[in-house]
Amino acid sequence: MALEGKHSFGSIGDTRVSFIEKKIEENRKEFLTRLLEHNGFEVLAEEEKRKNPEDPQLYTVGVTDITFNPVIGVFERKLKTFEGRKVTPAYWNQLTEETKPQYWQ
């Protein structure tokens, strides 16, 4: 799903959440959960239903702060990495560990 402009929200279980990403694999879920919890958010994850038992398990991740929009959080540089640097779009998408302040090359 990655960063997209639309702020979507709904429910995971009985809790209202702001969706971060849907239909993601476990390693992506773990990365986002750790990053968002590091930034003070309560994170909820839910398993997607599989059509076939041999299909990979996918997840939906959300935060209980329904005002949080990940696009705004990243582009306004409100999120911090585990090392205290600011999260960039490339870092968020797990393309690089580099967090220079430029959005362009």
N, C-alpha and C. Protein backbone atom coordinates (compact mmCIF):
# COMPACT_ATOMS: atom_id res chain seq x y z
N MET A 1 0.83 -1.19 0.00
CA MET A 1 0.00 0.00 0.00
C MET A 1 0.87 1.25 0.00
N ALA A 2 1.90 1.29 0.82
CA ALA A 2 2.83 2.41 0.90
C ALA A 2 2.11 3.72 1.21
N LEU A 3 2.76 4.84 0.98
CA LEU A 3 2.16 6.13 1.28
C LEU A 3 1.21 6.55 0.17
N GLU A 4 -0.01 6.87 0.57
CA GLU A 4 -0.96 7.42 -0.39
C GLU A 4 -1.72 8.53 0.30
N GLY A 5 -2.24 9.47 -0.46
CA GLY A 5 -2.83 10.67 0.10
C GLY A 5 -4.11 10.50 0.87
N LYS A 6 -4.84 9.44 0.63
CA LYS A 6 -6.13 9.27 1.28
C LYS A 6 -5.96 8.79 2.72
N HIS A 7 -6.63 9.48 3.64
CA HIS A 7 -6.61 9.08 5.05
C HIS A 7 -7.79 8.15 5.27
N SER A 8 -7.49 6.88 5.51
CA SER A 8 -8.58 5.92 5.70
C SER A 8 -8.63 5.46 7.15
N PHE A 9 -9.81 5.26 7.63
CA PHE A 9 -9.99 4.80 8.99
C PHE A 9 -11.17 3.85 9.04
N GLY A 10 -11.22 3.06 10.09
CA GLY A 10 -12.26 2.06 10.26
C GLY A 10 -12.05 1.37 11.59
N SER A 11 -12.28 0.07 11.63
CA SER A 11 -12.17 -0.67 12.89
C SER A 11 -11.31 -1.91 12.73
N ILE A 12 -10.56 -2.20 13.77
CA ILE A 12 -9.90 -3.49 13.92
C ILE A 12 -10.47 -4.05 15.22
N GLY A 13 -11.20 -5.12 15.08
CA GLY A 13 -11.95 -5.63 16.24
C GLY A 13 -13.02 -4.62 16.59
N ASP A 14 -13.06 -4.23 17.86
CA ASP A 14 -14.04 -3.24 18.32
C ASP A 14 -13.43 -1.85 18.47
N THR A 15 -12.20 -1.68 18.02
CA THR A 15 -11.48 -0.42 18.21
C THR A 15 -11.39 0.36 16.91
N ARG A 16 -11.75 1.65 16.97
CA ARG A 16 -11.61 2.53 15.80
C ARG A 16 -10.13 2.83 15.60
N VAL A 17 -9.69 2.76 14.35
CA VAL A 17 -8.28 3.00 14.04
C VAL A 17 -8.16 3.83 12.78
N SER A 18 -7.00 4.43 12.66
CA SER A 18 -6.55 5.04 11.41
C SER A 18 -5.69 3.99 10.73
N PHE A 19 -6.09 3.54 9.54
CA PHE A 19 -5.33 2.50 8.87
C PHE A 19 -3.99 3.05 8.38
N ILE A 20 -2.96 2.25 8.60
CA ILE A 20 -1.63 2.61 8.14
C ILE A 20 -1.37 1.92 6.80
N GLU A 21 -1.47 0.61 6.76
CA GLU A 21 -1.35 -0.16 5.52
C GLU A 21 -2.20 -1.41 5.63
N LYS A 22 -2.68 -1.85 4.48
CA LYS A 22 -3.50 -3.07 4.41
C LYS A 22 -2.83 -4.07 3.48
N LYS A 23 -3.12 -5.34 3.73
CA LYS A 23 -2.63 -6.45 2.91
C LYS A 23 -1.12 -6.43 2.77
N ILE A 24 -0.45 -6.41 3.91
CA ILE A 24 1.01 -6.40 3.93
C ILE A 24 1.52 -7.70 4.55
N GLU A 25 2.75 -8.05 4.24
CA GLU A 25 3.35 -9.27 4.77
C GLU A 25 3.86 -9.04 6.19
N GLU A 26 4.20 -10.12 6.87
CA GLU A 26 4.55 -10.06 8.29
C GLU A 26 5.78 -9.19 8.56
N ASN A 27 6.81 -9.26 7.71
CA ASN A 27 8.01 -8.45 7.97
C ASN A 27 7.70 -6.96 7.88
N ARG A 28 6.83 -6.56 6.97
CA ARG A 28 6.41 -5.16 6.85
C ARG A 28 5.58 -4.77 8.07
N LYS A 29 4.69 -5.64 8.50
CA LYS A 29 3.87 -5.40 9.69
C LYS A 29 4.77 -5.18 10.91
N GLU A 30 5.79 -6.01 11.08
CA GLU A 30 6.69 -5.89 12.22
C GLU A 30 7.45 -4.56 12.18
N PHE A 31 7.93 -4.18 11.00
CA PHE A 31 8.66 -2.92 10.85
C PHE A 31 7.77 -1.74 11.24
N LEU A 32 6.56 -1.69 10.67
CA LEU A 32 5.66 -0.58 10.96
C LEU A 32 5.24 -0.55 12.42
N THR A 33 4.98 -1.71 12.99
CA THR A 33 4.59 -1.78 14.39
C THR A 33 5.69 -1.23 15.28
N ARG A 34 6.92 -1.68 15.07
CA ARG A 34 8.04 -1.21 15.88
C ARG A 34 8.25 0.30 15.72
N LEU A 35 8.21 0.78 14.47
CA LEU A 35 8.44 2.20 14.19
C LEU A 35 7.36 3.07 14.82
N LEU A 36 6.11 2.69 14.66
CA LEU A 36 5.02 3.50 15.20
C LEU A 36 4.96 3.45 16.73
N GLU A 37 5.22 2.29 17.31
CA GLU A 37 5.26 2.21 18.77
C GLU A 37 6.42 3.03 19.32
N HIS A 38 7.54 3.05 18.61
CA HIS A 38 8.69 3.87 19.00
C HIS A 38 8.30 5.36 19.02
N ASN A 39 7.36 5.73 18.15
CA ASN A 39 6.90 7.12 18.07
C ASN A 39 5.68 7.39 18.94
N GLY A 40 5.34 6.46 19.82
CA GLY A 40 4.30 6.71 20.81
C GLY A 40 2.88 6.32 20.42
N PHE A 41 2.71 5.59 19.36
CA PHE A 41 1.37 5.20 18.93
C PHE A 41 1.03 3.81 19.45
N GLU A 42 -0.25 3.59 19.72
CA GLU A 42 -0.74 2.25 20.05
C GLU A 42 -1.13 1.61 18.72
N VAL A 43 -0.49 0.50 18.38
CA VAL A 43 -0.67 -0.15 17.09
C VAL A 43 -1.50 -1.42 17.24
N LEU A 44 -2.44 -1.61 16.33
CA LEU A 44 -3.23 -2.83 16.27
C LEU A 44 -3.02 -3.47 14.90
N ALA A 45 -2.95 -4.78 14.88
CA ALA A 45 -2.80 -5.51 13.61
C ALA A 45 -3.85 -6.61 13.57
N GLU A 46 -4.30 -6.89 12.37
CA GLU A 46 -5.32 -7.92 12.17
C GLU A 46 -4.93 -8.76 10.97
N GLU A 47 -5.11 -10.08 11.09
CA GLU A 47 -4.84 -10.97 9.98
C GLU A 47 -5.94 -10.85 8.94
N GLU A 48 -5.53 -10.80 7.68
CA GLU A 48 -6.50 -10.83 6.57
C GLU A 48 -6.95 -12.27 6.37
N LYS A 49 -8.16 -12.43 5.91
CA LYS A 49 -8.64 -13.79 5.61
C LYS A 49 -7.98 -14.28 4.33
N ARG A 50 -7.57 -15.54 4.35
CA ARG A 50 -6.93 -16.15 3.18
C ARG A 50 -7.97 -16.90 2.36
N LYS A 51 -7.84 -16.82 1.04
CA LYS A 51 -8.72 -17.58 0.17
C LYS A 51 -8.31 -19.05 0.15
N ASN A 52 -7.01 -19.30 0.15
CA ASN A 52 -6.48 -20.66 0.17
C ASN A 52 -5.51 -20.79 1.34
N PRO A 53 -5.46 -21.97 1.97
CA PRO A 53 -4.54 -22.14 3.09
C PRO A 53 -3.07 -21.97 2.71
N GLU A 54 -2.72 -22.19 1.46
CA GLU A 54 -1.32 -22.05 1.05
C GLU A 54 -0.93 -20.61 0.69
N ASP A 55 -1.91 -19.69 0.63
CA ASP A 55 -1.60 -18.29 0.38
C ASP A 55 -0.84 -17.71 1.57
N PRO A 56 0.06 -16.74 1.34
CA PRO A 56 0.77 -16.14 2.47
C PRO A 56 -0.20 -15.35 3.36
N GLN A 57 0.10 -15.31 4.64
CA GLN A 57 -0.73 -14.55 5.57
C GLN A 57 -0.44 -13.06 5.41
N LEU A 58 -1.48 -12.27 5.21
CA LEU A 58 -1.36 -10.83 5.08
C LEU A 58 -2.03 -10.16 6.26
N TYR A 59 -1.66 -8.90 6.50
CA TYR A 59 -2.13 -8.19 7.69
C TYR A 59 -2.59 -6.78 7.34
N THR A 60 -3.44 -6.25 8.22
CA THR A 60 -3.83 -4.85 8.20
C THR A 60 -3.30 -4.23 9.49
N VAL A 61 -2.68 -3.06 9.37
CA VAL A 61 -2.10 -2.37 10.52
C VAL A 61 -2.78 -1.02 10.68
N GLY A 62 -3.12 -0.69 11.92
CA GLY A 62 -3.72 0.61 12.22
C GLY A 62 -3.24 1.13 13.56
N VAL A 63 -3.48 2.42 13.78
CA VAL A 63 -3.16 3.02 15.08
C VAL A 63 -4.44 3.56 15.69
N THR A 64 -4.50 3.56 17.02
CA THR A 64 -5.73 3.98 17.70
C THR A 64 -5.96 5.48 17.64
N ASP A 65 -4.96 6.26 17.28
CA ASP A 65 -5.12 7.70 17.09
C ASP A 65 -5.71 7.92 15.70
N ILE A 66 -7.05 8.12 15.64
CA ILE A 66 -7.68 8.19 14.31
C ILE A 66 -7.39 9.49 13.58
N THR A 67 -6.73 10.44 14.24
CA THR A 67 -6.34 11.66 13.54
C THR A 67 -5.00 11.52 12.84
N PHE A 68 -4.27 10.43 13.11
CA PHE A 68 -2.95 10.26 12.52
C PHE A 68 -3.07 9.84 11.05
N ASN A 69 -2.40 10.59 10.20
CA ASN A 69 -2.31 10.28 8.78
C ASN A 69 -0.83 10.01 8.49
N PRO A 70 -0.48 8.80 8.02
CA PRO A 70 0.94 8.50 7.81
C PRO A 70 1.61 9.40 6.78
N VAL A 71 0.89 9.86 5.77
CA VAL A 71 1.48 10.75 4.76
C VAL A 71 1.91 12.06 5.42
N ILE A 72 1.05 12.62 6.23
CA ILE A 72 1.38 13.87 6.92
C ILE A 72 2.51 13.62 7.92
N GLY A 73 2.44 12.52 8.63
CA GLY A 73 3.48 12.19 9.60
C GLY A 73 4.86 12.11 8.97
N VAL A 74 4.94 11.51 7.78
CA VAL A 74 6.23 11.36 7.09
C VAL A 74 6.67 12.66 6.44
N PHE A 75 5.80 13.30 5.65
CA PHE A 75 6.22 14.48 4.90
C PHE A 75 6.39 15.73 5.78
N GLU A 76 5.71 15.77 6.91
CA GLU A 76 5.97 16.87 7.85
C GLU A 76 7.10 16.53 8.81
N ARG A 77 7.68 15.34 8.61
CA ARG A 77 8.87 14.91 9.34
C ARG A 77 8.63 14.85 10.85
N LYS A 78 7.44 14.32 11.21
CA LYS A 78 7.06 14.21 12.62
C LYS A 78 7.51 12.89 13.23
N LEU A 79 7.83 11.89 12.41
CA LEU A 79 8.23 10.58 12.92
C LEU A 79 9.75 10.48 13.01
N LYS A 80 10.21 9.76 14.02
CA LYS A 80 11.65 9.57 14.22
C LYS A 80 12.02 8.11 14.05
N THR A 81 13.23 7.88 13.53
CA THR A 81 13.76 6.52 13.40
C THR A 81 14.20 6.05 14.78
N PHE A 82 14.66 4.82 14.85
CA PHE A 82 15.14 4.26 16.11
C PHE A 82 16.41 4.96 16.58
N GLU A 83 17.13 5.60 15.64
CA GLU A 83 18.36 6.32 15.96
C GLU A 83 18.10 7.79 16.24
N GLY A 84 16.84 8.23 16.18
CA GLY A 84 16.49 9.62 16.46
C GLY A 84 16.48 10.53 15.25
N ARG A 85 16.73 10.00 14.06
CA ARG A 85 16.67 10.81 12.85
C ARG A 85 15.23 10.88 12.36
N LYS A 86 14.97 11.79 11.43
CA LYS A 86 13.61 11.94 10.91
C LYS A 86 13.34 10.93 9.81
N VAL A 87 12.13 10.37 9.83
CA VAL A 87 11.73 9.37 8.84
C VAL A 87 11.46 10.05 7.50
N THR A 88 12.03 9.52 6.44
CA THR A 88 11.79 10.00 5.09
C THR A 88 10.89 9.00 4.37
N PRO A 89 10.32 9.38 3.21
CA PRO A 89 9.50 8.43 2.47
C PRO A 89 10.25 7.15 2.10
N ALA A 90 11.50 7.25 1.73
CA ALA A 90 12.29 6.06 1.36
C ALA A 90 12.50 5.16 2.58
N TYR A 91 12.72 5.76 3.73
CA TYR A 91 12.88 4.97 4.96
C TYR A 91 11.56 4.29 5.30
N TRP A 92 10.46 5.01 5.23
CA TRP A 92 9.14 4.47 5.51
C TRP A 92 8.84 3.26 4.62
N ASN A 93 9.19 3.37 3.35
CA ASN A 93 8.93 2.29 2.40
C ASN A 93 10.00 1.21 2.42
N GLN A 94 10.93 1.30 3.35
CA GLN A 94 12.01 0.34 3.53
C GLN A 94 12.88 0.19 2.28
N LEU A 95 13.10 1.29 1.59
CA LEU A 95 13.97 1.29 0.42
C LEU A 95 15.42 1.58 0.79
N THR A 96 15.60 2.28 1.92
CA THR A 96 16.93 2.65 2.36
C THR A 96 16.92 2.93 3.86
N GLU A 97 18.09 2.87 4.45
CA GLU A 97 18.25 3.28 5.85
C GLU A 97 18.68 4.75 5.92
N GLU A 98 18.97 5.35 4.76
CA GLU A 98 19.43 6.74 4.67
C GLU A 98 18.27 7.68 4.99
N THR A 99 18.54 8.72 5.77
CA THR A 99 17.47 9.66 6.14
C THR A 99 17.89 11.11 5.92
N LYS A 100 18.57 11.38 4.81
CA LYS A 100 18.93 12.77 4.51
C LYS A 100 17.64 13.58 4.38
N PRO A 101 17.70 14.86 4.65
CA PRO A 101 16.46 15.65 4.64
C PRO A 101 15.88 15.91 3.26
N GLN A 102 16.61 15.63 2.19
CA GLN A 102 16.10 15.89 0.85
C GLN A 102 15.11 14.80 0.42
N TYR A 103 14.09 15.19 -0.30
CA TYR A 103 13.14 14.24 -0.87
C TYR A 103 13.50 13.88 -2.31
N TRP A 104 14.53 14.50 -2.81
CA TRP A 104 14.93 14.29 -4.19
C TRP A 104 16.39 13.91 -4.25
N GLN A 105 16.82 13.36 -5.38
CA GLN A 105 18.21 12.98 -5.56
C GLN A 105 18.95 14.06 -6.32
